[in-house]
Amino acid sequence: RALTDFYYGLQKVVNSIFAMCLLQRHQQPDREGRLVKACRSIWVC
């Protein structure tokens, strides 16, 4: 249970990182909206 809980939570994050990387391949940084920029500052923390 402890191991599956850990890897389940980790996979959710990894999937989202993967999705962001795929999407960023098709978008210019200067076209990014305020919502995504706000999220980026949270990721750094």
All heavy atoms as atom14 arrays in JSON, in Angstrom:
{
  "sequence": "RALTDFYYGLQKVVNSIFAMCLLQRHQQPDREGRLVKACRSIWVC",
  "atom14_mask": [
    [1, 1, 1, 1, 1, 1, 1, 1, 1, 1, 1, 0, 0, 0],
    [1, 1, 1, 1, 1, 0, 0, 0, 0, 0, 0, 0, 0, 0],
    [1, 1, 1, 1, 1, 1, 1, 1, 0, 0, 0, 0, 0, 0],
    [1, 1, 1, 1, 1, 1, 1, 0, 0, 0, 0, 0, 0, 0],
    [1, 1, 1, 1, 1, 1, 1, 1, 0, 0, 0, 0, 0, 0],
    [1, 1, 1, 1, 1, 1, 1, 1, 1, 1, 1, 0, 0, 0],
    [1, 1, 1, 1, 1, 1, 1, 1, 1, 1, 1, 1, 0, 0],
    [1, 1, 1, 1, 1, 1, 1, 1, 1, 1, 1, 1, 0, 0],
    [1, 1, 1, 1, 0, 0, 0, 0, 0, 0, 0, 0, 0, 0],
    [1, 1, 1, 1, 1, 1, 1, 1, 0, 0, 0, 0, 0, 0],
    [1, 1, 1, 1, 1, 1, 1, 1, 1, 0, 0, 0, 0, 0],
    [1, 1, 1, 1, 1, 1, 1, 1, 1, 0, 0, 0, 0, 0],
    [1, 1, 1, 1, 1, 1, 1, 0, 0, 0, 0, 0, 0, 0],
    [1, 1, 1, 1, 1, 1, 1, 0, 0, 0, 0, 0, 0, 0],
    [1, 1, 1, 1, 1, 1, 1, 1, 0, 0, 0, 0, 0, 0],
    [1, 1, 1, 1, 1, 1, 0, 0, 0, 0, 0, 0, 0, 0],
    [1, 1, 1, 1, 1, 1, 1, 1, 0, 0, 0, 0, 0, 0],
    [1, 1, 1, 1, 1, 1, 1, 1, 1, 1, 1, 0, 0, 0],
    [1, 1, 1, 1, 1, 0, 0, 0, 0, 0, 0, 0, 0, 0],
    [1, 1, 1, 1, 1, 1, 1, 1, 0, 0, 0, 0, 0, 0],
    [1, 1, 1, 1, 1, 1, 0, 0, 0, 0, 0, 0, 0, 0],
    [1, 1, 1, 1, 1, 1, 1, 1, 0, 0, 0, 0, 0, 0],
    [1, 1, 1, 1, 1, 1, 1, 1, 0, 0, 0, 0, 0, 0],
    [1, 1, 1, 1, 1, 1, 1, 1, 1, 0, 0, 0, 0, 0],
    [1, 1, 1, 1, 1, 1, 1, 1, 1, 1, 1, 0, 0, 0],
    [1, 1, 1, 1, 1, 1, 1, 1, 1, 1, 0, 0, 0, 0],
    [1, 1, 1, 1, 1, 1, 1, 1, 1, 0, 0, 0, 0, 0],
    [1, 1, 1, 1, 1, 1, 1, 1, 1, 0, 0, 0, 0, 0],
    [1, 1, 1, 1, 1, 1, 1, 0, 0, 0, 0, 0, 0, 0],
    [1, 1, 1, 1, 1, 1, 1, 1, 0, 0, 0, 0, 0, 0],
    [1, 1, 1, 1, 1, 1, 1, 1, 1, 1, 1, 0, 0, 0],
    [1, 1, 1, 1, 1, 1, 1, 1, 1, 0, 0, 0, 0, 0],
    [1, 1, 1, 1, 0, 0, 0, 0, 0, 0, 0, 0, 0, 0],
    [1, 1, 1, 1, 1, 1, 1, 1, 1, 1, 1, 0, 0, 0],
    [1, 1, 1, 1, 1, 1, 1, 1, 0, 0, 0, 0, 0, 0],
    [1, 1, 1, 1, 1, 1, 1, 0, 0, 0, 0, 0, 0, 0],
    [1, 1, 1, 1, 1, 1, 1, 1, 1, 0, 0, 0, 0, 0],
    [1, 1, 1, 1, 1, 0, 0, 0, 0, 0, 0, 0, 0, 0],
    [1, 1, 1, 1, 1, 1, 0, 0, 0, 0, 0, 0, 0, 0],
    [1, 1, 1, 1, 1, 1, 1, 1, 1, 1, 1, 0, 0, 0],
    [1, 1, 1, 1, 1, 1, 0, 0, 0, 0, 0, 0, 0, 0],
    [1, 1, 1, 1, 1, 1, 1, 1, 0, 0, 0, 0, 0, 0],
    [1, 1, 1, 1, 1, 1, 1, 1, 1, 1, 1, 1, 1, 1],
    [1, 1, 1, 1, 1, 1, 1, 0, 0, 0, 0, 0, 0, 0],
    [1, 1, 1, 1, 1, 1, 0, 0, 0, 0, 0, 0, 0, 0]
  ],
  "atom14_positions": [
    [[0.84, -1.22, 0.0], [0.0, 0.0, 0.0], [0.86, 1.25, 0.0], [0.59, 2.21, -0.73], [-0.94, 0.0, 1.21], [-2.21, -0.79, 1.01], [-3.25, -0.42, 2.07], [-2.76, -0.64, 3.42], [-2.86, -1.79, 4.08], [-3.4, -2.84, 3.5], [-2.4, -1.9, 5.32], [0.0, 0.0, 0.0], [0.0, 0.0, 0.0], [0.0, 0.0, 0.0]],
    [[1.91, 1.26, 0.83], [2.78, 2.44, 0.9], [3.49, 2.68, -0.43], [3.58, 3.83, -0.9], [3.82, 2.25, 2.02], [0.0, 0.0, 0.0], [0.0, 0.0, 0.0], [0.0, 0.0, 0.0], [0.0, 0.0, 0.0], [0.0, 0.0, 0.0], [0.0, 0.0, 0.0], [0.0, 0.0, 0.0], [0.0, 0.0, 0.0], [0.0, 0.0, 0.0]],
    [[3.97, 1.62, -1.05], [4.68, 1.76, -2.33], [3.73, 2.19, -3.45], [4.07, 3.07, -4.25], [5.35, 0.43, -2.7], [6.62, 0.08, -1.9], [6.98, -1.39, -2.08], [7.78, 0.97, -2.34], [0.0, 0.0, 0.0], [0.0, 0.0, 0.0], [0.0, 0.0, 0.0], [0.0, 0.0, 0.0], [0.0, 0.0, 0.0], [0.0, 0.0, 0.0]],
    [[2.56, 1.59, -3.5], [1.62, 1.96, -4.57], [1.11, 3.39, -4.39], [0.93, 4.11, -5.37], [0.44, 0.98, -4.64], [-0.16, 0.86, -3.34], [0.88, -0.39, -5.09], [0.0, 0.0, 0.0], [0.0, 0.0, 0.0], [0.0, 0.0, 0.0], [0.0, 0.0, 0.0], [0.0, 0.0, 0.0], [0.0, 0.0, 0.0], [0.0, 0.0, 0.0]],
    [[0.89, 3.81, -3.15], [0.48, 5.19, -2.91], [1.55, 6.17, -3.41], [1.24, 7.18, -4.04], [0.22, 5.43, -1.41], [-1.08, 4.81, -0.94], [-1.88, 4.38, -1.79], [-1.3, 4.75, 0.29], [0.0, 0.0, 0.0], [0.0, 0.0, 0.0], [0.0, 0.0, 0.0], [0.0, 0.0, 0.0], [0.0, 0.0, 0.0], [0.0, 0.0, 0.0]],
    [[2.81, 5.83, -3.11], [3.91, 6.71, -3.53], [3.99, 6.79, -5.05], [4.03, 7.88, -5.63], [5.24, 6.19, -2.97], [6.44, 6.87, -3.56], [6.81, 8.15, -3.16], [7.2, 6.25, -4.55], [7.92, 8.8, -3.72], [8.3, 6.89, -5.12], [8.65, 8.16, -4.7], [0.0, 0.0, 0.0], [0.0, 0.0, 0.0], [0.0, 0.0, 0.0]],
    [[3.99, 5.64, -5.71], [4.16, 5.63, -7.17], [2.92, 6.16, -7.89], [3.03, 6.73, -8.98], [4.52, 4.23, -7.65], [5.98, 3.9, -7.46], [6.39, 2.98, -6.5], [6.95, 4.54, -8.22], [7.74, 2.69, -6.32], [8.3, 4.26, -8.04], [8.69, 3.34, -7.09], [10.01, 3.07, -6.91], [0.0, 0.0, 0.0], [0.0, 0.0, 0.0]],
    [[1.76, 5.99, -7.29], [0.54, 6.55, -7.88], [0.64, 8.07, -7.92], [0.37, 8.71, -8.95], [-0.68, 6.11, -7.08], [-2.0, 6.51, -7.67], [-2.66, 5.69, -8.58], [-2.62, 7.71, -7.32], [-3.88, 6.05, -9.14], [-3.84, 8.08, -7.86], [-4.46, 7.25, -8.76], [-5.67, 7.62, -9.31], [0.0, 0.0, 0.0], [0.0, 0.0, 0.0]],
    [[1.02, 8.67, -6.79], [1.17, 10.12, -6.74], [2.28, 10.61, -7.65], [2.14, 11.65, -8.32], [0.0, 0.0, 0.0], [0.0, 0.0, 0.0], [0.0, 0.0, 0.0], [0.0, 0.0, 0.0], [0.0, 0.0, 0.0], [0.0, 0.0, 0.0], [0.0, 0.0, 0.0], [0.0, 0.0, 0.0], [0.0, 0.0, 0.0], [0.0, 0.0, 0.0]],
    [[3.38, 9.86, -7.72], [4.49, 10.25, -8.58], [4.09, 10.19, -10.05], [4.44, 11.07, -10.84], [5.68, 9.31, -8.32], [7.04, 9.76, -8.86], [7.54, 11.0, -8.11], [8.06, 8.64, -8.73], [0.0, 0.0, 0.0], [0.0, 0.0, 0.0], [0.0, 0.0, 0.0], [0.0, 0.0, 0.0], [0.0, 0.0, 0.0], [0.0, 0.0, 0.0]],
    [[3.33, 9.16, -10.41], [2.92, 9.02, -11.82], [2.01, 10.16, -12.26], [2.09, 10.61, -13.41], [2.22, 7.68, -12.03], [1.87, 7.35, -13.48], [3.05, 6.8, -14.28], [4.18, 7.23, -14.09], [2.77, 5.86, -15.15], [0.0, 0.0, 0.0], [0.0, 0.0, 0.0], [0.0, 0.0, 0.0], [0.0, 0.0, 0.0], [0.0, 0.0, 0.0]],
    [[1.15, 10.63, -11.37], [0.29, 11.77, -11.73], [1.14, 12.98, -12.09], [0.85, 13.69, -13.06], [-0.64, 12.13, -10.56], [-1.74, 11.12, -10.29], [-2.81, 11.68, -9.37], [-3.7, 12.65, -10.13], [-4.87, 13.06, -9.34], [0.0, 0.0, 0.0], [0.0, 0.0, 0.0], [0.0, 0.0, 0.0], [0.0, 0.0, 0.0], [0.0, 0.0, 0.0]],
    [[2.19, 13.22, -11.33], [3.07, 14.35, -11.6], [3.85, 14.12, -12.89], [3.95, 15.02, -13.74], [4.03, 14.58, -10.42], [5.03, 15.69, -10.74], [3.25, 14.94, -9.16], [0.0, 0.0, 0.0], [0.0, 0.0, 0.0], [0.0, 0.0, 0.0], [0.0, 0.0, 0.0], [0.0, 0.0, 0.0], [0.0, 0.0, 0.0], [0.0, 0.0, 0.0]],
    [[4.39, 12.93, -13.06], [5.17, 12.6, -14.26], [4.31, 12.73, -15.51], [4.75, 13.27, -16.53], [5.76, 11.19, -14.13], [6.33, 10.7, -15.46], [6.86, 11.18, -13.06], [0.0, 0.0, 0.0], [0.0, 0.0, 0.0], [0.0, 0.0, 0.0], [0.0, 0.0, 0.0], [0.0, 0.0, 0.0], [0.0, 0.0, 0.0], [0.0, 0.0, 0.0]],
    [[3.07, 12.23, -15.47], [2.18, 12.35, -16.62], [1.95, 13.81, -17.0], [1.93, 14.16, -18.18], [0.84, 11.68, -16.32], [0.88, 10.17, -16.49], [1.89, 9.6, -16.88], [-0.23, 9.52, -16.19], [0.0, 0.0, 0.0], [0.0, 0.0, 0.0], [0.0, 0.0, 0.0], [0.0, 0.0, 0.0], [0.0, 0.0, 0.0], [0.0, 0.0, 0.0]],
    [[1.75, 14.64, -15.99], [1.49, 16.06, -16.26], [2.73, 16.77, -16.8], [2.63, 17.64, -17.68], [0.99, 16.75, -14.99], [-0.24, 16.21, -14.57], [0.0, 0.0, 0.0], [0.0, 0.0, 0.0], [0.0, 0.0, 0.0], [0.0, 0.0, 0.0], [0.0, 0.0, 0.0], [0.0, 0.0, 0.0], [0.0, 0.0, 0.0], [0.0, 0.0, 0.0]],
    [[3.91, 16.41, -16.28], [5.15, 16.97, -16.83], [5.3, 16.57, -18.29], [5.65, 17.39, -19.16], [6.37, 16.49, -16.0], [6.37, 17.14, -14.62], [7.68, 16.8, -16.73], [7.49, 16.64, -13.7], [0.0, 0.0, 0.0], [0.0, 0.0, 0.0], [0.0, 0.0, 0.0], [0.0, 0.0, 0.0], [0.0, 0.0, 0.0], [0.0, 0.0, 0.0]],
    [[5.04, 15.3, -18.57], [5.12, 14.79, -19.94], [4.16, 15.58, -20.85], [4.53, 16.02, -21.95], [4.75, 13.31, -19.92], [5.16, 12.53, -21.14], [5.04, 11.15, -21.16], [5.66, 13.16, -22.28], [5.4, 10.41, -22.28], [6.03, 12.42, -23.41], [5.9, 11.04, -23.39], [0.0, 0.0, 0.0], [0.0, 0.0, 0.0], [0.0, 0.0, 0.0]],
    [[2.92, 15.77, -20.38], [1.93, 16.5, -21.16], [2.39, 17.94, -21.43], [2.27, 18.45, -22.56], [0.58, 16.5, -20.45], [0.0, 0.0, 0.0], [0.0, 0.0, 0.0], [0.0, 0.0, 0.0], [0.0, 0.0, 0.0], [0.0, 0.0, 0.0], [0.0, 0.0, 0.0], [0.0, 0.0, 0.0], [0.0, 0.0, 0.0], [0.0, 0.0, 0.0]],
    [[2.92, 18.59, -20.42], [3.4, 19.96, -20.59], [4.53, 20.03, -21.62], [4.58, 20.93, -22.46], [3.89, 20.53, -19.25], [2.8, 20.91, -18.27], [1.71, 22.23, -18.86], [2.88, 23.55, -19.15], [0.0, 0.0, 0.0], [0.0, 0.0, 0.0], [0.0, 0.0, 0.0], [0.0, 0.0, 0.0], [0.0, 0.0, 0.0], [0.0, 0.0, 0.0]],
    [[5.45, 19.08, -21.57], [6.57, 19.07, -22.52], [6.06, 18.89, -23.95], [6.55, 19.55, -24.88], [7.54, 17.94, -22.17], [8.48, 18.21, -20.66], [0.0, 0.0, 0.0], [0.0, 0.0, 0.0], [0.0, 0.0, 0.0], [0.0, 0.0, 0.0], [0.0, 0.0, 0.0], [0.0, 0.0, 0.0], [0.0, 0.0, 0.0], [0.0, 0.0, 0.0]],
    [[5.1, 18.01, -24.15], [4.54, 17.79, -25.48], [3.85, 19.05, -26.0], [4.01, 19.43, -27.17], [3.56, 16.63, -25.45], [4.15, 15.24, -25.22], [3.03, 14.21, -24.99], [5.02, 14.81, -26.4], [0.0, 0.0, 0.0], [0.0, 0.0, 0.0], [0.0, 0.0, 0.0], [0.0, 0.0, 0.0], [0.0, 0.0, 0.0], [0.0, 0.0, 0.0]],
    [[3.09, 19.7, -25.14], [2.36, 20.9, -25.55], [3.29, 22.07, -25.84], [3.06, 22.85, -26.78], [1.34, 21.28, -24.47], [0.16, 20.32, -24.31], [-0.58, 20.58, -23.0], [-0.8, 20.46, -25.5], [0.0, 0.0, 0.0], [0.0, 0.0, 0.0], [0.0, 0.0, 0.0], [0.0, 0.0, 0.0], [0.0, 0.0, 0.0], [0.0, 0.0, 0.0]],
    [[4.35, 22.18, -25.05], [5.28, 23.29, -25.23], [6.03, 23.21, -26.56], [6.54, 24.22, -27.06], [6.28, 23.34, -24.07], [5.69, 23.93, -22.8], [6.7, 24.01, -21.67], [6.33, 24.2, -20.53], [7.98, 23.85, -21.96], [0.0, 0.0, 0.0], [0.0, 0.0, 0.0], [0.0, 0.0, 0.0], [0.0, 0.0, 0.0], [0.0, 0.0, 0.0]],
    [[6.11, 22.02, -27.13], [6.78, 21.89, -28.43], [6.06, 22.66, -29.52], [6.62, 22.96, -30.57], [6.84, 20.41, -28.84], [7.73, 19.57, -27.98], [8.22, 18.33, -28.69], [7.18, 17.37, -29.02], [7.46, 16.11, -29.39], [8.72, 15.71, -29.48], [6.48, 15.28, -29.68], [0.0, 0.0, 0.0], [0.0, 0.0, 0.0], [0.0, 0.0, 0.0]],
    [[4.79, 22.96, -29.27], [3.96, 23.58, -30.31], [3.52, 25.01, -29.92], [2.59, 25.54, -30.51], [2.72, 22.72, -30.56], [3.05, 21.3, -30.89], [3.49, 20.9, -32.14], [3.03, 20.18, -30.11], [3.7, 19.59, -32.12], [3.43, 19.13, -30.92], [0.0, 0.0, 0.0], [0.0, 0.0, 0.0], [0.0, 0.0, 0.0], [0.0, 0.0, 0.0]],
    [[4.19, 25.6, -28.94], [3.77, 26.94, -28.5], [4.98, 27.81, -28.22], [5.97, 27.35, -27.61], [2.92, 26.83, -27.23], [2.19, 28.12, -26.89], [1.19, 27.91, -25.76], [1.58, 27.58, -24.65], [-0.08, 28.09, -26.04], [0.0, 0.0, 0.0], [0.0, 0.0, 0.0], [0.0, 0.0, 0.0], [0.0, 0.0, 0.0], [0.0, 0.0, 0.0]],
    [[4.92, 29.05, -28.65], [6.0, 29.99, -28.4], [5.91, 30.52, -26.96], [4.81, 30.79, -26.46], [5.91, 31.19, -29.37], [6.09, 30.82, -30.83], [7.46, 30.22, -31.1], [8.46, 30.68, -30.56], [7.48, 29.2, -31.94], [0.0, 0.0, 0.0], [0.0, 0.0, 0.0], [0.0, 0.0, 0.0], [0.0, 0.0, 0.0], [0.0, 0.0, 0.0]],
    [[7.06, 30.68, -26.27], [7.04, 31.16, -24.88], [6.34, 32.51, -24.72], [5.68, 32.75, -23.7], [8.54, 31.28, -24.54], [9.22, 30.33, -25.47], [8.42, 30.35, -26.73], [0.0, 0.0, 0.0], [0.0, 0.0, 0.0], [0.0, 0.0, 0.0], [0.0, 0.0, 0.0], [0.0, 0.0, 0.0], [0.0, 0.0, 0.0], [0.0, 0.0, 0.0]],
    [[6.46, 33.39, -25.72], [5.85, 34.72, -25.57], [4.34, 34.69, -25.75], [3.66, 35.71, -25.57], [6.49, 35.72, -26.56], [6.35, 35.25, -28.01], [5.81, 34.15, -28.25], [6.8, 35.99, -28.9], [0.0, 0.0, 0.0], [0.0, 0.0, 0.0], [0.0, 0.0, 0.0], [0.0, 0.0, 0.0], [0.0, 0.0, 0.0], [0.0, 0.0, 0.0]],
    [[3.78, 33.51, -26.13], [2.34, 33.39, -26.29], [1.68, 32.79, -25.04], [0.48, 32.56, -25.01], [2.02, 32.47, -27.49], [2.59, 32.95, -28.81], [1.78, 34.05, -29.44], [0.4, 33.63, -29.71], [0.03, 33.0, -30.81], [0.93, 32.67, -31.73], [-1.24, 32.69, -31.0], [0.0, 0.0, 0.0], [0.0, 0.0, 0.0], [0.0, 0.0, 0.0]],
    [[2.46, 32.59, -24.01], [1.95, 31.91, -22.81], [1.09, 32.85, -21.97], [1.43, 34.01, -21.75], [3.14, 31.41, -21.97], [2.77, 30.43, -20.89], [4.01, 29.76, -20.33], [4.63, 30.34, -19.42], [4.36, 28.67, -20.82], [0.0, 0.0, 0.0], [0.0, 0.0, 0.0], [0.0, 0.0, 0.0], [0.0, 0.0, 0.0], [0.0, 0.0, 0.0]],
    [[-0.03, 32.32, -21.48], [-0.96, 33.13, -20.69], [-0.56, 33.28, -19.24], [0.37, 32.61, -18.75], [0.0, 0.0, 0.0], [0.0, 0.0, 0.0], [0.0, 0.0, 0.0], [0.0, 0.0, 0.0], [0.0, 0.0, 0.0], [0.0, 0.0, 0.0], [0.0, 0.0, 0.0], [0.0, 0.0, 0.0], [0.0, 0.0, 0.0], [0.0, 0.0, 0.0]],
    [[-1.26, 34.16, -18.54], [-0.94, 34.46, -17.15], [-1.13, 33.25, -16.23], [-0.39, 33.07, -15.26], [-1.79, 35.62, -16.64], [-1.37, 36.98, -17.22], [-2.19, 38.1, -16.62], [-3.61, 37.95, -16.92], [-4.57, 38.73, -16.43], [-4.26, 39.7, -15.59], [-5.84, 38.55, -16.78], [0.0, 0.0, 0.0], [0.0, 0.0, 0.0], [0.0, 0.0, 0.0]],
    [[-2.14, 32.43, -16.55], [-2.42, 31.28, -15.69], [-1.23, 30.31, -15.68], [-0.8, 29.84, -14.6], [-3.68, 30.55, -16.18], [-4.09, 29.3, -15.39], [-4.4, 29.65, -13.96], [-5.27, 28.62, -16.04], [0.0, 0.0, 0.0], [0.0, 0.0, 0.0], [0.0, 0.0, 0.0], [0.0, 0.0, 0.0], [0.0, 0.0, 0.0], [0.0, 0.0, 0.0]],
    [[-0.69, 30.02, -16.84], [0.45, 29.09, -16.9], [1.67, 29.7, -16.23], [2.41, 29.0, -15.52], [0.75, 28.72, -18.37], [1.97, 27.81, -18.46], [-0.45, 28.05, -19.02], [0.0, 0.0, 0.0], [0.0, 0.0, 0.0], [0.0, 0.0, 0.0], [0.0, 0.0, 0.0], [0.0, 0.0, 0.0], [0.0, 0.0, 0.0], [0.0, 0.0, 0.0]],
    [[1.88, 31.0, -16.42], [3.01, 31.67, -15.76], [2.88, 31.6, -14.24], [3.87, 31.4, -13.53], [3.09, 33.12, -16.23], [3.54, 33.28, -17.67], [3.58, 34.74, -18.08], [4.03, 34.88, -19.53], [4.0, 36.29, -20.01], [0.0, 0.0, 0.0], [0.0, 0.0, 0.0], [0.0, 0.0, 0.0], [0.0, 0.0, 0.0], [0.0, 0.0, 0.0]],
    [[1.66, 31.76, -13.74], [1.43, 31.66, -12.29], [1.75, 30.26, -11.79], [2.34, 30.08, -10.72], [-0.02, 32.02, -11.96], [0.0, 0.0, 0.0], [0.0, 0.0, 0.0], [0.0, 0.0, 0.0], [0.0, 0.0, 0.0], [0.0, 0.0, 0.0], [0.0, 0.0, 0.0], [0.0, 0.0, 0.0], [0.0, 0.0, 0.0], [0.0, 0.0, 0.0]],
    [[1.38, 29.26, -12.59], [1.67, 27.88, -12.2], [3.18, 27.63, -12.17], [3.69, 26.93, -11.29], [1.01, 26.91, -13.17], [-0.79, 26.82, -13.02], [0.0, 0.0, 0.0], [0.0, 0.0, 0.0], [0.0, 0.0, 0.0], [0.0, 0.0, 0.0], [0.0, 0.0, 0.0], [0.0, 0.0, 0.0], [0.0, 0.0, 0.0], [0.0, 0.0, 0.0]],
    [[3.91, 28.21, -13.13], [5.35, 27.99, -13.19], [6.03, 28.48, -11.91], [6.96, 27.83, -11.4], [5.95, 28.72, -14.4], [5.66, 28.06, -15.71], [6.48, 28.69, -16.83], [6.04, 28.19, -18.12], [6.42, 27.03, -18.64], [7.25, 26.27, -17.96], [5.98, 26.63, -19.82], [0.0, 0.0, 0.0], [0.0, 0.0, 0.0], [0.0, 0.0, 0.0]],
    [[5.6, 29.59, -11.39], [6.23, 30.11, -10.16], [5.98, 29.18, -8.99], [6.83, 29.03, -8.1], [5.69, 31.52, -9.86], [4.3, 31.49, -9.57], [0.0, 0.0, 0.0], [0.0, 0.0, 0.0], [0.0, 0.0, 0.0], [0.0, 0.0, 0.0], [0.0, 0.0, 0.0], [0.0, 0.0, 0.0], [0.0, 0.0, 0.0], [0.0, 0.0, 0.0]],
    [[4.81, 28.52, -8.99], [4.51, 27.56, -7.93], [5.39, 26.32, -8.08], [5.87, 25.76, -7.09], [3.01, 27.18, -7.95], [2.15, 28.42, -7.67], [2.71, 26.07, -6.95], [0.65, 28.16, -7.79], [0.0, 0.0, 0.0], [0.0, 0.0, 0.0], [0.0, 0.0, 0.0], [0.0, 0.0, 0.0], [0.0, 0.0, 0.0], [0.0, 0.0, 0.0]],
    [[5.63, 25.88, -9.33], [6.47, 24.69, -9.54], [7.87, 24.91, -8.99], [8.47, 23.99, -8.42], [6.56, 24.36, -11.03], [5.25, 24.1, -11.69], [4.06, 23.8, -11.07], [4.97, 24.15, -13.09], [3.06, 23.67, -12.01], [3.58, 23.86, -13.25], [5.74, 24.4, -14.23], [2.98, 23.82, -14.5], [5.14, 24.35, -15.47], [3.78, 24.07, -15.61]],
    [[8.4, 26.12, -9.17], [9.75, 26.41, -8.67], [9.79, 26.25, -7.15], [10.75, 25.69, -6.6], [10.17, 27.83, -9.09], [11.5, 28.21, -8.43], [10.3, 27.93, -10.6], [0.0, 0.0, 0.0], [0.0, 0.0, 0.0], [0.0, 0.0, 0.0], [0.0, 0.0, 0.0], [0.0, 0.0, 0.0], [0.0, 0.0, 0.0], [0.0, 0.0, 0.0]],
    [[8.74, 26.72, -6.48], [8.69, 26.57, -5.01], [8.54, 25.11, -4.61], [9.23, 24.62, -3.7], [7.52, 27.38, -4.44], [7.68, 29.17, -4.63], [0.0, 0.0, 0.0], [0.0, 0.0, 0.0], [0.0, 0.0, 0.0], [0.0, 0.0, 0.0], [0.0, 0.0, 0.0], [0.0, 0.0, 0.0], [0.0, 0.0, 0.0], [0.0, 0.0, 0.0]]
  ]
}
